[in-house]
Amino acid sequence: MQVQIKVREGKITTVNVLKYPSDNDHSQQINDQALPVYKKEAVEAQSADIQQVSGATVTYEGFTQSLQNAITQAKES
């Protein structure tokens, strides 16, 4: 999972998912449902502290870890 954020005036404005597991139909279906929710919640929360979508644990863990890394990098630059 690889997440990129855009920050404007210290606020997350956009979250883009550059890479995510899509090696089988089940993963693709879960990600198609969960990722838009995670992206929206991340912008609203302005953090990686978001709610998990039921059934998307692996996606949640990868998304929040990558999101936190992106937030940390943005704060350091």
PDB file of N, CA and C in Angstrom:
ATOM      1  N   MET A   1       0.859  -1.173   0.000  1.00  0.00           N
ATOM      2  CA  MET A   1       0.000   0.000   0.000  1.00  0.00           C
ATOM      3  C   MET A   1       0.895   1.223   0.000  1.00  0.00           C
ATOM      4  N   GLN A   2       0.585   2.156  -0.890  1.00  0.00           N
ATOM      5  CA  GLN A   2       1.328   3.411  -0.929  1.00  0.00           C
ATOM      6  C   GLN A   2       0.336   4.560  -1.064  1.00  0.00           C
ATOM      7  N   VAL A   3       0.405   5.479  -0.111  1.00  0.00           N
ATOM      8  CA  VAL A   3      -0.515   6.609  -0.050  1.00  0.00           C
ATOM      9  C   VAL A   3       0.276   7.903  -0.207  1.00  0.00           C
ATOM     10  N   GLN A   4      -0.292   8.829  -0.945  1.00  0.00           N
ATOM     11  CA  GLN A   4       0.305  10.157  -1.119  1.00  0.00           C
ATOM     12  C   GLN A   4      -0.722  11.186  -0.651  1.00  0.00           C
ATOM     13  N   ILE A   5      -0.251  12.196   0.059  1.00  0.00           N
ATOM     14  CA  ILE A   5      -1.167  13.255   0.491  1.00  0.00           C
ATOM     15  C   ILE A   5      -0.740  14.580  -0.120  1.00  0.00           C
ATOM     16  N   LYS A   6      -1.714  15.451  -0.279  1.00  0.00           N
ATOM     17  CA  LYS A   6      -1.440  16.829  -0.659  1.00  0.00           C
ATOM     18  C   LYS A   6      -1.826  17.686   0.528  1.00  0.00           C
ATOM     19  N   VAL A   7      -0.919  18.599   0.884  1.00  0.00           N
ATOM     20  CA  VAL A   7      -1.123  19.451   2.048  1.00  0.00           C
ATOM     21  C   VAL A   7      -1.102  20.905   1.586  1.00  0.00           C
ATOM     22  N   ARG A   8      -2.061  21.647   2.077  1.00  0.00           N
ATOM     23  CA  ARG A   8      -2.124  23.073   1.768  1.00  0.00           C
ATOM     24  C   ARG A   8      -2.383  23.823   3.068  1.00  0.00           C
ATOM     25  N   GLU A   9      -1.504  24.771   3.354  1.00  0.00           N
ATOM     26  CA  GLU A   9      -1.605  25.562   4.574  1.00  0.00           C
ATOM     27  C   GLU A   9      -1.725  24.677   5.817  1.00  0.00           C
ATOM     28  N   GLY A  10      -0.933  23.605   5.830  1.00  0.00           N
ATOM     29  CA  GLY A  10      -0.892  22.715   6.980  1.00  0.00           C
ATOM     30  C   GLY A  10      -2.042  21.729   7.093  1.00  0.00           C
ATOM     31  N   LYS A  11      -2.912  21.685   6.101  1.00  0.00           N
ATOM     32  CA  LYS A  11      -4.077  20.784   6.134  1.00  0.00           C
ATOM     33  C   LYS A  11      -3.997  19.774   4.997  1.00  0.00           C
ATOM     34  N   ILE A  12      -4.399  18.537   5.288  1.00  0.00           N
ATOM     35  CA  ILE A  12      -4.492  17.515   4.248  1.00  0.00           C
ATOM     36  C   ILE A  12      -5.690  17.867   3.362  1.00  0.00           C
ATOM     37  N   THR A  13      -5.432  18.049   2.077  1.00  0.00           N
ATOM     38  CA  THR A  13      -6.516  18.387   1.154  1.00  0.00           C
ATOM     39  C   THR A  13      -6.922  17.201   0.285  1.00  0.00           C
ATOM     40  N   THR A  14      -5.973  16.323   0.011  1.00  0.00           N
ATOM     41  CA  THR A  14      -6.235  15.182  -0.858  1.00  0.00           C
ATOM     42  C   THR A  14      -5.421  13.988  -0.398  1.00  0.00           C
ATOM     43  N   VAL A  15      -6.019  12.811  -0.501  1.00  0.00           N
ATOM     44  CA  VAL A  15      -5.306  11.563  -0.250  1.00  0.00           C
ATOM     45  C   VAL A  15      -5.438  10.717  -1.520  1.00  0.00           C
ATOM     46  N   ASN A  16      -4.302  10.348  -2.085  1.00  0.00           N
ATOM     47  CA  ASN A  16      -4.283   9.495  -3.272  1.00  0.00           C
ATOM     48  C   ASN A  16      -3.649   8.159  -2.915  1.00  0.00           C
ATOM     49  N   VAL A  17      -4.231   7.091  -3.386  1.00  0.00           N
ATOM     50  CA  VAL A  17      -3.667   5.761  -3.177  1.00  0.00           C
ATOM     51  C   VAL A  17      -2.933   5.392  -4.457  1.00  0.00           C
ATOM     52  N   LEU A  18      -1.612   5.317  -4.369  1.00  0.00           N
ATOM     53  CA  LEU A  18      -0.788   5.045  -5.538  1.00  0.00           C
ATOM     54  C   LEU A  18      -0.664   3.554  -5.831  1.00  0.00           C
ATOM     55  N   LYS A  19      -0.574   2.754  -4.773  1.00  0.00           N
ATOM     56  CA  LYS A  19      -0.450   1.299  -4.931  1.00  0.00           C
ATOM     57  C   LYS A  19      -1.274   0.614  -3.854  1.00  0.00           C
ATOM     58  N   TYR A  20      -1.964  -0.440  -4.242  1.00  0.00           N
ATOM     59  CA  TYR A  20      -2.728  -1.219  -3.271  1.00  0.00           C
ATOM     60  C   TYR A  20      -2.895  -2.633  -3.795  1.00  0.00           C
ATOM     61  N   PRO A  21      -3.135  -3.589  -2.893  1.00  0.00           N
ATOM     62  CA  PRO A  21      -3.279  -4.985  -3.319  1.00  0.00           C
ATOM     63  C   PRO A  21      -4.500  -5.160  -4.217  1.00  0.00           C
ATOM     64  N   SER A  22      -4.268  -5.723  -5.368  1.00  0.00           N
ATOM     65  CA  SER A  22      -5.379  -5.993  -6.295  1.00  0.00           C
ATOM     66  C   SER A  22      -5.102  -7.275  -7.072  1.00  0.00           C
ATOM     67  N   ASP A  23      -4.428  -8.201  -6.390  1.00  0.00           N
ATOM     68  CA  ASP A  23      -3.991  -9.422  -7.060  1.00  0.00           C
ATOM     69  C   ASP A  23      -5.094 -10.463  -7.242  1.00  0.00           C
ATOM     70  N   ASN A  24      -6.234 -10.243  -6.598  1.00  0.00           N
ATOM     71  CA  ASN A  24      -7.352 -11.157  -6.829  1.00  0.00           C
ATOM     72  C   ASN A  24      -8.668 -10.378  -6.733  1.00  0.00           C
ATOM     73  N   ASP A  25      -9.731 -10.995  -7.184  1.00  0.00           N
ATOM     74  CA  ASP A  25     -11.027 -10.314  -7.222  1.00  0.00           C
ATOM     75  C   ASP A  25     -11.521  -9.903  -5.842  1.00  0.00           C
ATOM     76  N   HIS A  26     -11.267 -10.751  -4.843  1.00  0.00           N
ATOM     77  CA  HIS A  26     -11.723 -10.444  -3.484  1.00  0.00           C
ATOM     78  C   HIS A  26     -11.033  -9.184  -2.950  1.00  0.00           C
ATOM     79  N   SER A  27      -9.709  -9.126  -3.100  1.00  0.00           N
ATOM     80  CA  SER A  27      -8.962  -7.941  -2.655  1.00  0.00           C
ATOM     81  C   SER A  27      -9.438  -6.705  -3.397  1.00  0.00           C
ATOM     82  N   GLN A  28      -9.630  -6.838  -4.687  1.00  0.00           N
ATOM     83  CA  GLN A  28     -10.069  -5.707  -5.506  1.00  0.00           C
ATOM     84  C   GLN A  28     -11.433  -5.199  -5.035  1.00  0.00           C
ATOM     85  N   GLN A  29     -12.338  -6.101  -4.761  1.00  0.00           N
ATOM     86  CA  GLN A  29     -13.680  -5.729  -4.313  1.00  0.00           C
ATOM     87  C   GLN A  29     -13.636  -5.006  -2.961  1.00  0.00           C
ATOM     88  N   ILE A  30     -12.859  -5.534  -2.032  1.00  0.00           N
ATOM     89  CA  ILE A  30     -12.732  -4.903  -0.718  1.00  0.00           C
ATOM     90  C   ILE A  30     -12.136  -3.508  -0.851  1.00  0.00           C
ATOM     91  N   ASN A  31     -11.059  -3.393  -1.621  1.00  0.00           N
ATOM     92  CA  ASN A  31     -10.391  -2.102  -1.782  1.00  0.00           C
ATOM     93  C   ASN A  31     -11.287  -1.089  -2.491  1.00  0.00           C
ATOM     94  N   ASP A  32     -12.061  -1.546  -3.464  1.00  0.00           N
ATOM     95  CA  ASP A  32     -12.976  -0.641  -4.171  1.00  0.00           C
ATOM     96  C   ASP A  32     -14.009  -0.037  -3.213  1.00  0.00           C
ATOM     97  N   GLN A  33     -14.372  -0.782  -2.180  1.00  0.00           N
ATOM     98  CA  GLN A  33     -15.340  -0.287  -1.206  1.00  0.00           C
ATOM     99  C   GLN A  33     -14.675   0.512  -0.086  1.00  0.00           C
ATOM    100  N   ALA A  34     -13.550   0.036   0.408  1.00  0.00           N
ATOM    101  CA  ALA A  34     -12.937   0.632   1.594  1.00  0.00           C
ATOM    102  C   ALA A  34     -12.103   1.884   1.307  1.00  0.00           C
ATOM    103  N   LEU A  35     -11.349   1.890   0.224  1.00  0.00           N
ATOM    104  CA  LEU A  35     -10.419   2.998  -0.005  1.00  0.00           C
ATOM    105  C   LEU A  35     -11.100   4.359  -0.127  1.00  0.00           C
ATOM    106  N   PRO A  36     -12.216   4.490  -0.845  1.00  0.00           N
ATOM    107  CA  PRO A  36     -12.870   5.811  -0.875  1.00  0.00           C
ATOM    108  C   PRO A  36     -13.302   6.291   0.519  1.00  0.00           C
ATOM    109  N   VAL A  37     -13.735   5.360   1.360  1.00  0.00           N
ATOM    110  CA  VAL A  37     -14.137   5.704   2.727  1.00  0.00           C
ATOM    111  C   VAL A  37     -12.914   6.162   3.513  1.00  0.00           C
ATOM    112  N   TYR A  38     -11.817   5.418   3.419  1.00  0.00           N
ATOM    113  CA  TYR A  38     -10.608   5.762   4.157  1.00  0.00           C
ATOM    114  C   TYR A  38     -10.055   7.115   3.715  1.00  0.00           C
ATOM    115  N   LYS A  39     -10.065   7.366   2.416  1.00  0.00           N
ATOM    116  CA  LYS A  39      -9.559   8.642   1.900  1.00  0.00           C
ATOM    117  C   LYS A  39     -10.387   9.814   2.431  1.00  0.00           C
ATOM    118  N   LYS A  40     -11.691   9.679   2.393  1.00  0.00           N
ATOM    119  CA  LYS A  40     -12.593  10.741   2.866  1.00  0.00           C
ATOM    120  C   LYS A  40     -12.399  10.981   4.365  1.00  0.00           C
ATOM    121  N   GLU A  41     -12.337   9.896   5.132  1.00  0.00           N
ATOM    122  CA  GLU A  41     -12.175  10.027   6.582  1.00  0.00           C
ATOM    123  C   GLU A  41     -10.831  10.651   6.948  1.00  0.00           C
ATOM    124  N   ALA A  42      -9.781  10.321   6.203  1.00  0.00           N
ATOM    125  CA  ALA A  42      -8.458  10.881   6.491  1.00  0.00           C
ATOM    126  C   ALA A  42      -8.454  12.392   6.312  1.00  0.00           C
ATOM    127  N   VAL A  43      -9.103  12.879   5.259  1.00  0.00           N
ATOM    128  CA  VAL A  43      -9.175  14.327   5.036  1.00  0.00           C
ATOM    129  C   VAL A  43     -10.013  14.978   6.134  1.00  0.00           C
ATOM    130  N   GLU A  44     -11.112  14.359   6.492  1.00  0.00           N
ATOM    131  CA  GLU A  44     -11.966  14.913   7.548  1.00  0.00           C
ATOM    132  C   GLU A  44     -11.262  14.906   8.911  1.00  0.00           C
ATOM    133  N   ALA A  45     -10.555  13.827   9.222  1.00  0.00           N
ATOM    134  CA  ALA A  45      -9.889  13.699  10.524  1.00  0.00           C
ATOM    135  C   ALA A  45      -8.569  14.461  10.576  1.00  0.00           C
ATOM    136  N   GLN A  46      -7.998  14.744   9.407  1.00  0.00           N
ATOM    137  CA  GLN A  46      -6.679  15.371   9.338  1.00  0.00           C
ATOM    138  C   GLN A  46      -5.627  14.538  10.073  1.00  0.00           C
ATOM    139  N   SER A  47      -5.820  13.222  10.028  1.00  0.00           N
ATOM    140  CA  SER A  47      -4.874  12.315  10.676  1.00  0.00           C
ATOM    141  C   SER A  47      -5.105  10.897  10.159  1.00  0.00           C
ATOM    142  N   ALA A  48      -4.270   9.978  10.654  1.00  0.00           N
ATOM    143  CA  ALA A  48      -4.428   8.562  10.310  1.00  0.00           C
ATOM    144  C   ALA A  48      -5.335   7.853  11.301  1.00  0.00           C
ATOM    145  N   ASP A  49      -5.921   8.603  12.209  1.00  0.00           N
ATOM    146  CA  ASP A  49      -6.821   8.039  13.211  1.00  0.00           C
ATOM    147  C   ASP A  49      -8.235   7.993  12.635  1.00  0.00           C
ATOM    148  N   ILE A  50      -8.496   6.927  11.882  1.00  0.00           N
ATOM    149  CA  ILE A  50      -9.785   6.782  11.199  1.00  0.00           C
ATOM    150  C   ILE A  50     -10.423   5.456  11.570  1.00  0.00           C
ATOM    151  N   GLN A  51     -11.696   5.322  11.256  1.00  0.00           N
ATOM    152  CA  GLN A  51     -12.432   4.102  11.574  1.00  0.00           C
ATOM    153  C   GLN A  51     -12.163   3.013  10.541  1.00  0.00           C
ATOM    154  N   GLN A  52     -12.102   1.794  10.997  1.00  0.00           N
ATOM    155  CA  GLN A  52     -11.889   0.652  10.118  1.00  0.00           C
ATOM    156  C   GLN A  52     -13.206   0.224   9.479  1.00  0.00           C
ATOM    157  N   VAL A  53     -13.162  -0.070   8.190  1.00  0.00           N
ATOM    158  CA  VAL A  53     -14.311  -0.635   7.497  1.00  0.00           C
ATOM    159  C   VAL A  53     -14.329  -2.135   7.783  1.00  0.00           C
ATOM    160  N   SER A  54     -15.489  -2.658   8.165  1.00  0.00           N
ATOM    161  CA  SER A  54     -15.614  -4.075   8.484  1.00  0.00           C
ATOM    162  C   SER A  54     -15.189  -4.934   7.295  1.00  0.00           C
ATOM    163  N   GLY A  55     -14.327  -5.907   7.552  1.00  0.00           N
ATOM    164  CA  GLY A  55     -13.884  -6.826   6.511  1.00  0.00           C
ATOM    165  C   GLY A  55     -12.683  -6.340   5.725  1.00  0.00           C
ATOM    166  N   ALA A  56     -12.157  -5.162   6.068  1.00  0.00           N
ATOM    167  CA  ALA A  56     -11.037  -4.597   5.315  1.00  0.00           C
ATOM    168  C   ALA A  56      -9.843  -4.329   6.230  1.00  0.00           C
ATOM    169  N   THR A  57      -9.535  -5.285   7.090  1.00  0.00           N
ATOM    170  CA  THR A  57      -8.477  -5.101   8.081  1.00  0.00           C
ATOM    171  C   THR A  57      -7.114  -4.889   7.441  1.00  0.00           C
ATOM    172  N   VAL A  58      -6.753  -5.716   6.494  1.00  0.00           N
ATOM    173  CA  VAL A  58      -5.434  -5.607   5.852  1.00  0.00           C
ATOM    174  C   VAL A  58      -5.316  -4.273   5.120  1.00  0.00           C
ATOM    175  N   THR A  59      -6.358  -3.887   4.424  1.00  0.00           N
ATOM    176  CA  THR A  59      -6.366  -2.607   3.725  1.00  0.00           C
ATOM    177  C   THR A  59      -6.243  -1.460   4.716  1.00  0.00           C
ATOM    178  N   TYR A  60      -6.974  -1.544   5.819  1.00  0.00           N
ATOM    179  CA  TYR A  60      -6.927  -0.517   6.859  1.00  0.00           C
ATOM    180  C   TYR A  60      -5.514  -0.362   7.412  1.00  0.00           C
ATOM    181  N   GLU A  61      -4.895  -1.473   7.753  1.00  0.00           N
ATOM    182  CA  GLU A  61      -3.562  -1.422   8.344  1.00  0.00           C
ATOM    183  C   GLU A  61      -2.547  -0.825   7.369  1.00  0.00           C
ATOM    184  N   GLY A  62      -2.591  -1.263   6.125  1.00  0.00           N
ATOM    185  CA  GLY A  62      -1.670  -0.724   5.124  1.00  0.00           C
ATOM    186  C   GLY A  62      -1.930   0.743   4.842  1.00  0.00           C
ATOM    187  N   PHE A  63      -3.194   1.117   4.740  1.00  0.00           N
ATOM    188  CA  PHE A  63      -3.567   2.500   4.445  1.00  0.00           C
ATOM    189  C   PHE A  63      -3.128   3.426   5.585  1.00  0.00           C
ATOM    190  N   THR A  64      -3.465   3.066   6.820  1.00  0.00           N
ATOM    191  CA  THR A  64      -3.153   3.962   7.935  1.00  0.00           C
ATOM    192  C   THR A  64      -1.645   4.067   8.175  1.00  0.00           C
ATOM    193  N   GLN A  65      -0.911   2.988   7.986  1.00  0.00           N
ATOM    194  CA  GLN A  65       0.546   3.044   8.154  1.00  0.00           C
ATOM    195  C   GLN A  65       1.172   3.951   7.096  1.00  0.00           C
ATOM    196  N   SER A  66       0.766   3.773   5.852  1.00  0.00           N
ATOM    197  CA  SER A  66       1.306   4.597   4.774  1.00  0.00           C
ATOM    198  C   SER A  66       0.874   6.052   4.940  1.00  0.00           C
ATOM    199  N   LEU A  67      -0.364   6.263   5.353  1.00  0.00           N
ATOM    200  CA  LEU A  67      -0.861   7.618   5.585  1.00  0.00           C
ATOM    201  C   LEU A  67      -0.066   8.294   6.697  1.00  0.00           C
ATOM    202  N   GLN A  68       0.184   7.580   7.786  1.00  0.00           N
ATOM    203  CA  GLN A  68       0.956   8.164   8.881  1.00  0.00           C
ATOM    204  C   GLN A  68       2.358   8.521   8.421  1.00  0.00           C
ATOM    205  N   ASN A  69       2.976   7.673   7.610  1.00  0.00           N
ATOM    206  CA  ASN A  69       4.305   7.975   7.077  1.00  0.00           C
ATOM    207  C   ASN A  69       4.274   9.240   6.228  1.00  0.00           C
ATOM    208  N   ALA A  70       3.252   9.385   5.399  1.00  0.00           N
ATOM    209  CA  ALA A  70       3.122  10.573   4.549  1.00  0.00           C
ATOM    210  C   ALA A  70       2.917  11.831   5.394  1.00  0.00           C
ATOM    211  N   ILE A  71       2.121  11.725   6.449  1.00  0.00           N
ATOM    212  CA  ILE A  71       1.888  12.866   7.339  1.00  0.00           C
ATOM    213  C   ILE A  71       3.191  13.258   8.044  1.00  0.00           C
ATOM    214  N   THR A  72       3.923  12.279   8.518  1.00  0.00           N
ATOM    215  CA  THR A  72       5.199  12.540   9.193  1.00  0.00           C
ATOM    216  C   THR A  72       6.174  13.231   8.246  1.00  0.00           C
ATOM    217  N   GLN A  73       6.268  12.743   7.014  1.00  0.00           N
ATOM    218  CA  GLN A  73       7.156  13.353   6.025  1.00  0.00           C
ATOM    219  C   GLN A  73       6.749  14.784   5.717  1.00  0.00           C
ATOM    220  N   ALA A  74       5.448  15.023   5.609  1.00  0.00           N
ATOM    221  CA  ALA A  74       4.963  16.371   5.306  1.00  0.00           C
ATOM    222  C   ALA A  74       5.305  17.341   6.438  1.00  0.00           C
ATOM    223  N   LYS A  75       5.240  16.875   7.676  1.00  0.00           N
ATOM    224  CA  LYS A  75       5.547  17.740   8.820  1.00  0.00           C
ATOM    225  C   LYS A  75       7.034  18.050   8.908  1.00  0.00           C
ATOM    226  N   GLU A  76       7.868  17.118   8.435  1.00  0.00           N
ATOM    227  CA  GLU A  76       9.311  17.302   8.495  1.00  0.00           C
ATOM    228  C   GLU A  76       9.827  18.220   7.400  1.00  0.00           C
ATOM    229  N   SER A  77       9.057  18.377   6.342  1.00  0.00           N
ATOM    230  CA  SER A  77       9.556  19.203   5.226  1.00  0.00           C
ATOM    231  C   SER A  77       9.088  20.630   5.295  1.00  0.00           C
TER     232      SER A  77
END
